[in-house]
């Protein structure tokens, strides 16, 4: 038997989803969502700097205000299968995220249903910011971060059943994250009608930085009914203190707990690796480029990503 406190009421049932419908209140989650290696931590850093510091000066400790879901931290019980994990997504959101404040939460989860379970609904979510990135640059970044070959990276990008899972020593599935294909992932958030979603391109963070970050602040202020007036000095400080080169230097000097260990060498990999220097035109092998261009032809056109090696 599993015992839970739900909306100040003790609930006893065979699983934490048994009485999840008792929670009727609306929770205030703003998702920072993306497919992996698309700039999520960059956006988190900016938002943390602007909303959780006094003057817009970034420090890695500020990221503790925007944690990731699904995760072991936000799971009330051990979950022993991907299905059980997905059935508890909404229960865990209801249980952990305070309804009396705004909760910025990072996720790599697709908004598609997984075997009948929704990831979130308008009852839990106030809005979302979604970052999309050219999949050819994602592929090069994935080979570094996940220690994959190019063929493995492509396979993951187009796999409709793709997921992320880091099982704990006791084989807990609480951080099971359903990705689906890269195409289905961004479309699930882009076409969502349940709550407002700001859809931005990673490339605009380089080419139109000020206006893009300003757009993010205006969107959040609108969602939260705050005065839409922007603190220009704090905005500029937040942009400058979270520039890629600053983040990279901070990681080199201070370390970064979200960096991973290489499966090939056992050594820590740089989290902030290439950034805007990651140019698929100069990195991707020709056969890999052709496979991505072929499999994602329509999506590359839709998102106005050049489909040639230019």
C-alpha atoms as a PDB file:
ATOM      1  CA  UNK A   1       0.000   0.000   0.000  1.00  0.00           C
ATOM      2  CA  UNK A   2       1.131   3.517  -0.750  1.00  0.00           C
ATOM      3  CA  UNK A   3       0.172   6.493   1.373  1.00  0.00           C
ATOM      4  CA  UNK A   4       0.152  10.037  -0.019  1.00  0.00           C
ATOM      5  CA  UNK A   5      -0.924  13.513   1.060  1.00  0.00           C
ATOM      6  CA  UNK A   6      -3.036  15.093  -1.669  1.00  0.00           C
ATOM      7  CA  UNK A   7      -4.345  18.629  -1.239  1.00  0.00           C
ATOM      8  CA  UNK A   8      -4.012  18.289   2.564  1.00  0.00           C
ATOM      9  CA  UNK A   9      -5.936  15.019   2.527  1.00  0.00           C
ATOM     10  CA  UNK A  10      -4.364  11.649   3.283  1.00  0.00           C
ATOM     11  CA  UNK A  11      -4.947   9.213   0.439  1.00  0.00           C
ATOM     12  CA  UNK A  12      -4.351   5.486   0.625  1.00  0.00           C
ATOM     13  CA  UNK A  13      -4.293   3.443  -2.528  1.00  0.00           C
ATOM     14  CA  UNK A  14      -2.348   0.884  -4.541  1.00  0.00           C
ATOM     15  CA  UNK A  15      -0.494   3.597  -6.460  1.00  0.00           C
ATOM     16  CA  UNK A  16      -0.033   7.377  -6.310  1.00  0.00           C
ATOM     17  CA  UNK A  17      -2.251   7.825  -9.366  1.00  0.00           C
ATOM     18  CA  UNK A  18      -5.182   6.144  -7.643  1.00  0.00           C
ATOM     19  CA  UNK A  19      -6.626   9.416  -6.338  1.00  0.00           C
ATOM     20  CA  UNK A  20      -4.827  11.988  -8.461  1.00  0.00           C
ATOM     21  CA  UNK A  21      -8.162  13.325  -9.733  1.00  0.00           C
ATOM     22  CA  UNK A  22      -8.777  14.774  -6.257  1.00  0.00           C
ATOM     23  CA  UNK A  23      -6.436  17.645  -7.077  1.00  0.00           C
ATOM     24  CA  UNK A  24      -8.513  20.302  -8.759  1.00  0.00           C
ATOM     25  CA  UNK A  25      -6.450  23.451  -8.370  1.00  0.00           C
ATOM     26  CA  UNK A  26      -4.418  24.983 -11.169  1.00  0.00           C
ATOM     27  CA  UNK A  27      -0.659  24.828 -10.698  1.00  0.00           C
ATOM     28  CA  UNK A  28       1.653  27.504 -11.988  1.00  0.00           C
ATOM     29  CA  UNK A  29       4.302  25.735 -14.065  1.00  0.00           C
ATOM     30  CA  UNK A  30       6.147  27.492 -16.874  1.00  0.00           C
ATOM     31  CA  UNK A  31       8.056  24.900 -18.856  1.00  0.00           C
ATOM     32  CA  UNK A  32      11.451  25.546 -20.438  1.00  0.00           C
ATOM     33  CA  UNK A  33      11.197  22.798 -23.024  1.00  0.00           C
ATOM     34  CA  UNK A  34      13.372  21.490 -25.819  1.00  0.00           C
ATOM     35  CA  UNK A  35      14.781  18.430 -27.482  1.00  0.00           C
ATOM     36  CA  UNK A  36      18.171  17.631 -25.854  1.00  0.00           C
ATOM     37  CA  UNK A  37      21.171  19.758 -26.871  1.00  0.00           C
ATOM     38  CA  UNK A  38      19.031  22.601 -28.171  1.00  0.00           C
ATOM     39  CA  UNK A  39      19.975  25.423 -25.800  1.00  0.00           C
ATOM     40  CA  UNK A  40      17.724  24.681 -22.839  1.00  0.00           C
ATOM     41  CA  UNK A  41      20.411  25.380 -20.233  1.00  0.00           C
ATOM     42  CA  UNK A  42      21.312  28.608 -22.012  1.00  0.00           C
ATOM     43  CA  UNK A  43      17.705  29.820 -21.709  1.00  0.00           C
ATOM     44  CA  UNK A  44      17.466  28.568 -18.120  1.00  0.00           C
ATOM     45  CA  UNK A  45      20.590  30.530 -17.264  1.00  0.00           C
ATOM     46  CA  UNK A  46      19.168  33.732 -18.710  1.00  0.00           C
ATOM     47  CA  UNK A  47      15.781  33.319 -16.984  1.00  0.00           C
ATOM     48  CA  UNK A  48      17.467  32.447 -13.680  1.00  0.00           C
ATOM     49  CA  UNK A  49      19.685  35.510 -13.996  1.00  0.00           C
ATOM     50  CA  UNK A  50      16.831  37.897 -14.797  1.00  0.00           C
ATOM     51  CA  UNK A  51      14.214  36.580 -12.361  1.00  0.00           C
ATOM     52  CA  UNK A  52      16.272  35.188  -9.464  1.00  0.00           C
ATOM     53  CA  UNK A  53      19.175  37.625  -9.081  1.00  0.00           C
ATOM     54  CA  UNK A  54      19.151  41.238  -7.913  1.00  0.00           C
ATOM     55  CA  UNK A  55      21.063  42.806 -10.777  1.00  0.00           C
ATOM     56  CA  UNK A  56      21.133  40.177 -13.537  1.00  0.00           C
ATOM     57  CA  UNK A  57      24.528  38.737 -12.628  1.00  0.00           C
ATOM     58  CA  UNK A  58      24.575  35.011 -13.325  1.00  0.00           C
ATOM     59  CA  UNK A  59      25.895  32.298 -11.057  1.00  0.00           C
ATOM     60  CA  UNK A  60      25.486  28.531 -11.496  1.00  0.00           C
ATOM     61  CA  UNK A  61      23.718  28.324  -8.126  1.00  0.00           C
ATOM     62  CA  UNK A  62      20.793  30.241  -9.654  1.00  0.00           C
ATOM     63  CA  UNK A  63      19.980  27.212 -11.807  1.00  0.00           C
ATOM     64  CA  UNK A  64      18.683  25.499  -8.663  1.00  0.00           C
ATOM     65  CA  UNK A  65      15.585  27.647  -9.185  1.00  0.00           C
ATOM     66  CA  UNK A  66      14.834  25.864 -12.473  1.00  0.00           C
ATOM     67  CA  UNK A  67      15.210  22.118 -12.016  1.00  0.00           C
ATOM     68  CA  UNK A  68      14.433  19.312 -14.444  1.00  0.00           C
ATOM     69  CA  UNK A  69      11.327  17.163 -14.669  1.00  0.00           C
ATOM     70  CA  UNK A  70      10.883  14.195 -14.840  1.00  0.00           C
ATOM     71  CA  UNK A  71      13.525  13.359 -12.245  1.00  0.00           C
ATOM     72  CA  UNK A  72      14.151  11.290  -9.140  1.00  0.00           C
ATOM     73  CA  UNK A  73      13.878  14.483  -7.067  1.00  0.00           C
ATOM     74  CA  UNK A  74      10.267  14.974  -8.138  1.00  0.00           C
ATOM     75  CA  UNK A  75       8.985  11.437  -7.700  1.00  0.00           C
ATOM     76  CA  UNK A  76       7.146  10.366  -4.566  1.00  0.00           C
ATOM     77  CA  UNK A  77       7.809   6.632  -4.926  1.00  0.00           C
ATOM     78  CA  UNK A  78      10.138   4.321  -6.810  1.00  0.00           C
ATOM     79  CA  UNK A  79       8.798   3.611 -10.273  1.00  0.00           C
ATOM     80  CA  UNK A  80       9.745   0.361 -11.937  1.00  0.00           C
ATOM     81  CA  UNK A  81       8.787   0.730 -15.581  1.00  0.00           C
ATOM     82  CA  UNK A  82       8.496   3.376 -18.280  1.00  0.00           C
ATOM     83  CA  UNK A  83       4.717   2.914 -18.265  1.00  0.00           C
ATOM     84  CA  UNK A  84       4.467   3.428 -14.503  1.00  0.00           C
ATOM     85  CA  UNK A  85       6.698   6.489 -14.741  1.00  0.00           C
ATOM     86  CA  UNK A  86       4.515   8.080 -17.426  1.00  0.00           C
ATOM     87  CA  UNK A  87       1.345   7.357 -15.443  1.00  0.00           C
ATOM     88  CA  UNK A  88       2.801   9.415 -12.585  1.00  0.00           C
ATOM     89  CA  UNK A  89       3.942  12.492 -14.539  1.00  0.00           C
ATOM     90  CA  UNK A  90       0.860  14.549 -13.723  1.00  0.00           C
ATOM     91  CA  UNK A  91       0.530  13.216 -10.177  1.00  0.00           C
ATOM     92  CA  UNK A  92       4.108  14.264  -9.423  1.00  0.00           C
ATOM     93  CA  UNK A  93       3.561  17.718 -10.926  1.00  0.00           C
ATOM     94  CA  UNK A  94       0.493  18.150  -8.737  1.00  0.00           C
ATOM     95  CA  UNK A  95       2.340  16.916  -5.678  1.00  0.00           C
ATOM     96  CA  UNK A  96       5.617  18.806  -5.930  1.00  0.00           C
ATOM     97  CA  UNK A  97       5.033  22.150  -7.602  1.00  0.00           C
ATOM     98  CA  UNK A  98       3.627  24.799  -5.295  1.00  0.00           C
ATOM     99  CA  UNK A  99       0.363  26.218  -6.604  1.00  0.00           C
ATOM    100  CA  UNK A 100       0.973  29.524  -4.830  1.00  0.00           C
ATOM    101  CA  UNK A 101       3.998  30.552  -6.875  1.00  0.00           C
ATOM    102  CA  UNK A 102       5.415  30.393 -10.367  1.00  0.00           C
ATOM    103  CA  UNK A 103       7.510  27.282 -10.972  1.00  0.00           C
ATOM    104  CA  UNK A 104       9.971  27.456 -13.851  1.00  0.00           C
ATOM    105  CA  UNK A 105      10.749  23.850 -14.798  1.00  0.00           C
ATOM    106  CA  UNK A 106      13.123  22.414 -17.387  1.00  0.00           C
ATOM    107  CA  UNK A 107      12.025  19.444 -19.491  1.00  0.00           C
ATOM    108  CA  UNK A 108      13.126  17.456 -22.505  1.00  0.00           C
ATOM    109  CA  UNK A 109       9.854  15.549 -22.584  1.00  0.00           C
ATOM    110  CA  UNK A 110       7.729  15.442 -25.709  1.00  0.00           C
ATOM    111  CA  UNK A 111       4.208  16.780 -25.253  1.00  0.00           C
ATOM    112  CA  UNK A 112       2.823  13.723 -27.040  1.00  0.00           C
ATOM    113  CA  UNK A 113       0.946  11.130 -25.019  1.00  0.00           C
ATOM    114  CA  UNK A 114       2.945   8.082 -23.985  1.00  0.00           C
ATOM    115  CA  UNK A 115       0.817   4.919 -23.976  1.00  0.00           C
ATOM    116  CA  UNK A 116      -2.275   6.870 -22.994  1.00  0.00           C
ATOM    117  CA  UNK A 117      -0.653   9.200 -20.457  1.00  0.00           C
ATOM    118  CA  UNK A 118      -0.359  12.940 -21.028  1.00  0.00           C
ATOM    119  CA  UNK A 119       2.807  14.701 -19.935  1.00  0.00           C
ATOM    120  CA  UNK A 120       0.976  17.756 -18.568  1.00  0.00           C
ATOM    121  CA  UNK A 121      -2.274  19.692 -19.010  1.00  0.00           C
ATOM    122  CA  UNK A 122      -3.572  23.213 -18.519  1.00  0.00           C
ATOM    123  CA  UNK A 123      -4.439  22.232 -14.923  1.00  0.00           C
ATOM    124  CA  UNK A 124      -0.731  22.055 -14.143  1.00  0.00           C
ATOM    125  CA  UNK A 125       0.721  24.441 -16.701  1.00  0.00           C
ATOM    126  CA  UNK A 126       0.562  28.196 -17.085  1.00  0.00           C
ATOM    127  CA  UNK A 127       2.649  28.289 -20.262  1.00  0.00           C
ATOM    128  CA  UNK A 128       5.834  27.120 -21.968  1.00  0.00           C
ATOM    129  CA  UNK A 129       8.912  28.383 -23.765  1.00  0.00           C
ATOM    130  CA  UNK A 130      10.111  25.968 -26.433  1.00  0.00           C
ATOM    131  CA  UNK A 131      13.544  26.135 -28.064  1.00  0.00           C
ATOM    132  CA  UNK A 132      14.056  24.480 -31.443  1.00  0.00           C
ATOM    133  CA  UNK A 133      17.486  24.033 -33.047  1.00  0.00           C
ATOM    134  CA  UNK A 134      18.778  22.915 -36.435  1.00  0.00           C
ATOM    135  CA  UNK A 135      18.899  19.109 -36.083  1.00  0.00           C
ATOM    136  CA  UNK A 136      22.211  18.944 -37.929  1.00  0.00           C
ATOM    137  CA  UNK A 137      23.831  20.917 -35.140  1.00  0.00           C
ATOM    138  CA  UNK A 138      21.983  18.809 -32.567  1.00  0.00           C
ATOM    139  CA  UNK A 139      23.528  15.703 -34.148  1.00  0.00           C
ATOM    140  CA  UNK A 140      27.070  17.020 -33.769  1.00  0.00           C
ATOM    141  CA  UNK A 141      26.358  18.055 -30.172  1.00  0.00           C
ATOM    142  CA  UNK A 142      24.817  14.681 -29.307  1.00  0.00           C
ATOM    143  CA  UNK A 143      27.876  12.788 -30.505  1.00  0.00           C
ATOM    144  CA  UNK A 144      29.905  14.719 -27.937  1.00  0.00           C
ATOM    145  CA  UNK A 145      27.476  14.772 -25.005  1.00  0.00           C
ATOM    146  CA  UNK A 146      26.152  11.208 -25.260  1.00  0.00           C
ATOM    147  CA  UNK A 147      29.309   9.604 -26.733  1.00  0.00           C
ATOM    148  CA  UNK A 148      27.399   8.494 -29.845  1.00  0.00           C
ATOM    149  CA  UNK A 149      28.485   7.834 -33.397  1.00  0.00           C
ATOM    150  CA  UNK A 150      26.897   9.971 -36.112  1.00  0.00           C
ATOM    151  CA  UNK A 151      24.738   7.036 -37.214  1.00  0.00           C
ATOM    152  CA  UNK A 152      23.525   6.544 -33.635  1.00  0.00           C
ATOM    153  CA  UNK A 153      22.730  10.257 -33.338  1.00  0.00           C
ATOM    154  CA  UNK A 154      20.690  10.203 -36.559  1.00  0.00           C
ATOM    155  CA  UNK A 155      18.842   7.086 -35.435  1.00  0.00           C
ATOM    156  CA  UNK A 156      17.879   8.817 -32.188  1.00  0.00           C
ATOM    157  CA  UNK A 157      16.719  11.959 -33.992  1.00  0.00           C
ATOM    158  CA  UNK A 158      14.281  10.074 -36.213  1.00  0.00           C
ATOM    159  CA  UNK A 159      13.208   7.350 -33.761  1.00  0.00           C
ATOM    160  CA  UNK A 160       9.533   7.858 -32.858  1.00  0.00           C
ATOM    161  CA  UNK A 161      10.031   5.811 -29.681  1.00  0.00           C
ATOM    162  CA  UNK A 162      13.235   7.460 -28.496  1.00  0.00           C
ATOM    163  CA  UNK A 163      13.633   8.236 -24.795  1.00  0.00           C
ATOM    164  CA  UNK A 164      16.110   9.212 -22.095  1.00  0.00           C
ATOM    165  CA  UNK A 165      16.534   7.194 -18.931  1.00  0.00           C
ATOM    166  CA  UNK A 166      19.207   7.143 -16.260  1.00  0.00           C
ATOM    167  CA  UNK A 167      18.227   4.328 -13.934  1.00  0.00           C
ATOM    168  CA  UNK A 168      19.368   4.580 -10.319  1.00  0.00           C
ATOM    169  CA  UNK A 169      21.166   1.794  -8.492  1.00  0.00           C
ATOM    170  CA  UNK A 170      17.772   0.337  -7.528  1.00  0.00           C
ATOM    171  CA  UNK A 171      16.472   0.549 -11.125  1.00  0.00           C
ATOM    172  CA  UNK A 172      14.072   3.423 -10.472  1.00  0.00           C
ATOM    173  CA  UNK A 173      12.505   4.764 -13.691  1.00  0.00           C
ATOM    174  CA  UNK A 174      11.364   8.085 -12.189  1.00  0.00           C
ATOM    175  CA  UNK A 175      13.421  10.210 -14.592  1.00  0.00           C
ATOM    176  CA  UNK A 176      12.131   8.432 -17.702  1.00  0.00           C
ATOM    177  CA  UNK A 177      11.779  11.105 -20.386  1.00  0.00           C
ATOM    178  CA  UNK A 178       9.874  10.341 -23.565  1.00  0.00           C
ATOM    179  CA  UNK A 179      11.401  12.152 -26.539  1.00  0.00           C
ATOM    180  CA  UNK A 180       9.888  10.603 -29.631  1.00  0.00           C
ATOM    181  CA  UNK A 181      11.465  11.818 -32.851  1.00  0.00           C
ATOM    182  CA  UNK A 182      12.950  15.315 -33.104  1.00  0.00           C
ATOM    183  CA  UNK A 183      10.192  16.187 -35.587  1.00  0.00           C
ATOM    184  CA  UNK A 184       7.332  14.986 -33.378  1.00  0.00           C
ATOM    185  CA  UNK A 185       8.964  16.603 -30.368  1.00  0.00           C
ATOM    186  CA  UNK A 186       8.981  20.191 -31.614  1.00  0.00           C
ATOM    187  CA  UNK A 187       5.607  19.815 -33.344  1.00  0.00           C
ATOM    188  CA  UNK A 188       3.961  18.535 -30.152  1.00  0.00           C
ATOM    189  CA  UNK A 189       4.892  21.749 -28.339  1.00  0.00           C
ATOM    190  CA  UNK A 190       4.462  24.061 -31.339  1.00  0.00           C
ATOM    191  CA  UNK A 191       0.946  22.802 -32.116  1.00  0.00           C
ATOM    192  CA  UNK A 192      -0.187  22.614 -28.504  1.00  0.00           C
ATOM    193  CA  UNK A 193      -3.545  24.326 -27.903  1.00  0.00           C
ATOM    194  CA  UNK A 194      -3.944  23.771 -24.146  1.00  0.00           C
ATOM    195  CA  UNK A 195      -1.693  26.613 -22.988  1.00  0.00           C
ATOM    196  CA  UNK A 196       0.352  29.440 -24.464  1.00  0.00           C
ATOM    197  CA  UNK A 197       3.754  28.460 -25.834  1.00  0.00           C
ATOM    198  CA  UNK A 198       6.502  30.800 -26.986  1.00  0.00           C
ATOM    199  CA  UNK A 199       8.355  29.073 -29.822  1.00  0.00           C
ATOM    200  CA  UNK A 200      11.870  30.357 -30.393  1.00  0.00           C
ATOM    201  CA  UNK A 201      14.833  29.273 -32.503  1.00  0.00           C
ATOM    202  CA  UNK A 202      18.226  28.664 -30.956  1.00  0.00           C
ATOM    203  CA  UNK A 203      19.831  30.444 -33.880  1.00  0.00           C
ATOM    204  CA  UNK A 204      18.012  33.672 -32.981  1.00  0.00           C
ATOM    205  CA  UNK A 205      19.889  33.702 -29.682  1.00  0.00           C
ATOM    206  CA  UNK A 206      22.960  34.398 -31.777  1.00  0.00           C
ATOM    207  CA  UNK A 207      21.558  36.417 -34.666  1.00  0.00           C
ATOM    208  CA  UNK A 208      18.917  38.461 -32.833  1.00  0.00           C
ATOM    209  CA  UNK A 209      19.955  38.103 -29.213  1.00  0.00           C
ATOM    210  CA  UNK A 210      18.543  41.222 -27.556  1.00  0.00           C
ATOM    211  CA  UNK A 211      15.101  41.041 -29.187  1.00  0.00           C
ATOM    212  CA  UNK A 212      14.792  37.299 -28.539  1.00  0.00           C
ATOM    213  CA  UNK A 213      15.624  37.558 -24.846  1.00  0.00           C
ATOM    214  CA  UNK A 214      13.360  40.588 -24.514  1.00  0.00           C
ATOM    215  CA  UNK A 215      10.567  38.554 -26.114  1.00  0.00           C
ATOM    216  CA  UNK A 216      11.073  35.861 -23.474  1.00  0.00           C
ATOM    217  CA  UNK A 217      10.761  38.365 -20.611  1.00  0.00           C
ATOM    218  CA  UNK A 218       7.653  39.971 -22.113  1.00  0.00           C
ATOM    219  CA  UNK A 219       6.065  36.534 -22.563  1.00  0.00           C
ATOM    220  CA  UNK A 220       6.741  35.524 -18.956  1.00  0.00           C
ATOM    221  CA  UNK A 221       5.485  38.858 -17.619  1.00  0.00           C
ATOM    222  CA  UNK A 222       2.302  38.475 -19.656  1.00  0.00           C
ATOM    223  CA  UNK A 223       1.718  34.945 -18.349  1.00  0.00           C
ATOM    224  CA  UNK A 224       2.254  36.023 -14.764  1.00  0.00           C
ATOM    225  CA  UNK A 225       0.283  39.272 -15.040  1.00  0.00           C
ATOM    226  CA  UNK A 226       3.306  41.295 -14.040  1.00  0.00           C
ATOM    227  CA  UNK A 227       4.012  44.844 -15.065  1.00  0.00           C
ATOM    228  CA  UNK A 228       5.284  44.439 -18.624  1.00  0.00           C
ATOM    229  CA  UNK A 229       7.887  47.150 -18.123  1.00  0.00           C
ATOM    230  CA  UNK A 230      11.334  45.645 -18.566  1.00  0.00           C
ATOM    231  CA  UNK A 231      14.322  46.471 -16.404  1.00  0.00           C
ATOM    232  CA  UNK A 232      16.675  47.297 -19.284  1.00  0.00           C
ATOM    233  CA  UNK A 233      19.837  47.308 -17.204  1.00  0.00           C
ATOM    234  CA  UNK A 234      19.015  43.957 -15.641  1.00  0.00           C
ATOM    235  CA  UNK A 235      18.079  42.569 -19.064  1.00  0.00           C
ATOM    236  CA  UNK A 236      21.439  43.569 -20.533  1.00  0.00           C
ATOM    237  CA  UNK A 237      23.302  42.242 -17.502  1.00  0.00           C
ATOM    238  CA  UNK A 238      21.455  38.939 -17.790  1.00  0.00           C
ATOM    239  CA  UNK A 239      22.238  38.667 -21.501  1.00  0.00           C
ATOM    240  CA  UNK A 240      25.907  39.517 -21.026  1.00  0.00           C
ATOM    241  CA  UNK A 241      26.521  37.415 -17.929  1.00  0.00           C
ATOM    242  CA  UNK A 242      25.011  34.344 -19.633  1.00  0.00           C
ATOM    243  CA  UNK A 243      26.826  34.685 -22.937  1.00  0.00           C
ATOM    244  CA  UNK A 244      28.164  31.359 -24.129  1.00  0.00           C
ATOM    245  CA  UNK A 245      31.781  32.363 -23.604  1.00  0.00           C
ATOM    246  CA  UNK A 246      31.020  33.415 -20.014  1.00  0.00           C
ATOM    247  CA  UNK A 247      29.204  30.155 -19.304  1.00  0.00           C
ATOM    248  CA  UNK A 248      32.061  28.174 -20.838  1.00  0.00           C
ATOM    249  CA  UNK A 249      34.672  30.046 -18.793  1.00  0.00           C
ATOM    250  CA  UNK A 250      32.659  29.581 -15.589  1.00  0.00           C
ATOM    251  CA  UNK A 251      32.527  25.840 -16.246  1.00  0.00           C
ATOM    252  CA  UNK A 252      36.287  25.723 -16.833  1.00  0.00           C
ATOM    253  CA  UNK A 253      36.993  27.681 -13.653  1.00  0.00           C
ATOM    254  CA  UNK A 254      34.288  26.373 -11.324  1.00  0.00           C
ATOM    255  CA  UNK A 255      33.096  23.095 -12.803  1.00  0.00           C
ATOM    256  CA  UNK A 256      29.461  22.361 -13.657  1.00  0.00           C
ATOM    257  CA  UNK A 257      27.521  19.605 -11.937  1.00  0.00           C
ATOM    258  CA  UNK A 258      25.305  18.961 -14.980  1.00  0.00           C
ATOM    259  CA  UNK A 259      28.285  17.939 -17.115  1.00  0.00           C
ATOM    260  CA  UNK A 260      28.493  14.221 -17.900  1.00  0.00           C
ATOM    261  CA  UNK A 261      31.200  11.581 -18.002  1.00  0.00           C
ATOM    262  CA  UNK A 262      32.296  10.203 -21.373  1.00  0.00           C
ATOM    263  CA  UNK A 263      31.244   6.611 -21.912  1.00  0.00           C
ATOM    264  CA  UNK A 264      34.375   6.140 -23.975  1.00  0.00           C
ATOM    265  CA  UNK A 265      37.079   7.679 -21.771  1.00  0.00           C
ATOM    266  CA  UNK A 266      35.456   7.935 -18.335  1.00  0.00           C
ATOM    267  CA  UNK A 267      36.459  11.597 -18.178  1.00  0.00           C
ATOM    268  CA  UNK A 268      34.226  14.593 -17.600  1.00  0.00           C
ATOM    269  CA  UNK A 269      32.997  16.192 -20.816  1.00  0.00           C
ATOM    270  CA  UNK A 270      32.567  19.918 -21.213  1.00  0.00           C
ATOM    271  CA  UNK A 271      28.882  20.805 -21.067  1.00  0.00           C
ATOM    272  CA  UNK A 272      29.420  24.157 -22.766  1.00  0.00           C
ATOM    273  CA  UNK A 273      31.443  22.786 -25.630  1.00  0.00           C
ATOM    274  CA  UNK A 274      31.155  24.516 -29.036  1.00  0.00           C
ATOM    275  CA  UNK A 275      28.048  26.692 -28.791  1.00  0.00           C
ATOM    276  CA  UNK A 276      27.721  28.901 -31.845  1.00  0.00           C
ATOM    277  CA  UNK A 277      30.991  27.476 -33.181  1.00  0.00           C
ATOM    278  CA  UNK A 278      29.103  24.226 -33.741  1.00  0.00           C
ATOM    279  CA  UNK A 279      28.620  24.590 -37.509  1.00  0.00           C
ATOM    280  CA  UNK A 280      27.349  21.444 -39.134  1.00  0.00           C
ATOM    281  CA  UNK A 281      28.701  22.685 -42.469  1.00  0.00           C
ATOM    282  CA  UNK A 282      32.240  22.253 -41.122  1.00  0.00           C
ATOM    283  CA  UNK A 283      31.724  19.151 -39.008  1.00  0.00           C
ATOM    284  CA  UNK A 284      29.187  16.663 -40.357  1.00  0.00           C
ATOM    285  CA  UNK A 285      30.456  13.935 -42.700  1.00  0.00           C
ATOM    286  CA  UNK A 286      28.773  14.155 -46.093  1.00  0.00           C
ATOM    287  CA  UNK A 287      26.896  10.844 -45.792  1.00  0.00           C
ATOM    288  CA  UNK A 288      25.531  11.884 -42.380  1.00  0.00           C
ATOM    289  CA  UNK A 289      24.439  15.247 -43.742  1.00  0.00           C
ATOM    290  CA  UNK A 290      22.662  13.585 -46.663  1.00  0.00           C
ATOM    291  CA  UNK A 291      20.784  11.225 -44.315  1.00  0.00           C
ATOM    292  CA  UNK A 292      19.527  14.068 -42.134  1.00  0.00           C
ATOM    293  CA  UNK A 293      18.586  16.228 -45.107  1.00  0.00           C
ATOM    294  CA  UNK A 294      16.666  13.309 -46.614  1.00  0.00           C
ATOM    295  CA  UNK A 295      14.841  12.214 -43.454  1.00  0.00           C
ATOM    296  CA  UNK A 296      13.992  15.734 -42.231  1.00  0.00           C
ATOM    297  CA  UNK A 297      13.589  17.497 -45.560  1.00  0.00           C
ATOM    298  CA  UNK A 298      10.088  18.880 -44.903  1.00  0.00           C
ATOM    299  CA  UNK A 299      10.895  20.010 -41.379  1.00  0.00           C
ATOM    300  CA  UNK A 300      14.068  21.817 -42.474  1.00  0.00           C
ATOM    301  CA  UNK A 301      12.034  23.744 -45.032  1.00  0.00           C
ATOM    302  CA  UNK A 302       9.217  24.467 -42.571  1.00  0.00           C
ATOM    303  CA  UNK A 303      11.658  25.929 -40.050  1.00  0.00           C
ATOM    304  CA  UNK A 304      13.591  27.792 -42.741  1.00  0.00           C
ATOM    305  CA  UNK A 305      16.785  25.864 -42.132  1.00  0.00           C
ATOM    306  CA  UNK A 306      18.911  25.724 -45.260  1.00  0.00           C
ATOM    307  CA  UNK A 307      18.862  22.281 -46.777  1.00  0.00           C
ATOM    308  CA  UNK A 308      22.172  22.519 -48.537  1.00  0.00           C
ATOM    309  CA  UNK A 309      25.794  22.605 -47.479  1.00  0.00           C
ATOM    310  CA  UNK A 310      26.064  26.375 -47.741  1.00  0.00           C
END
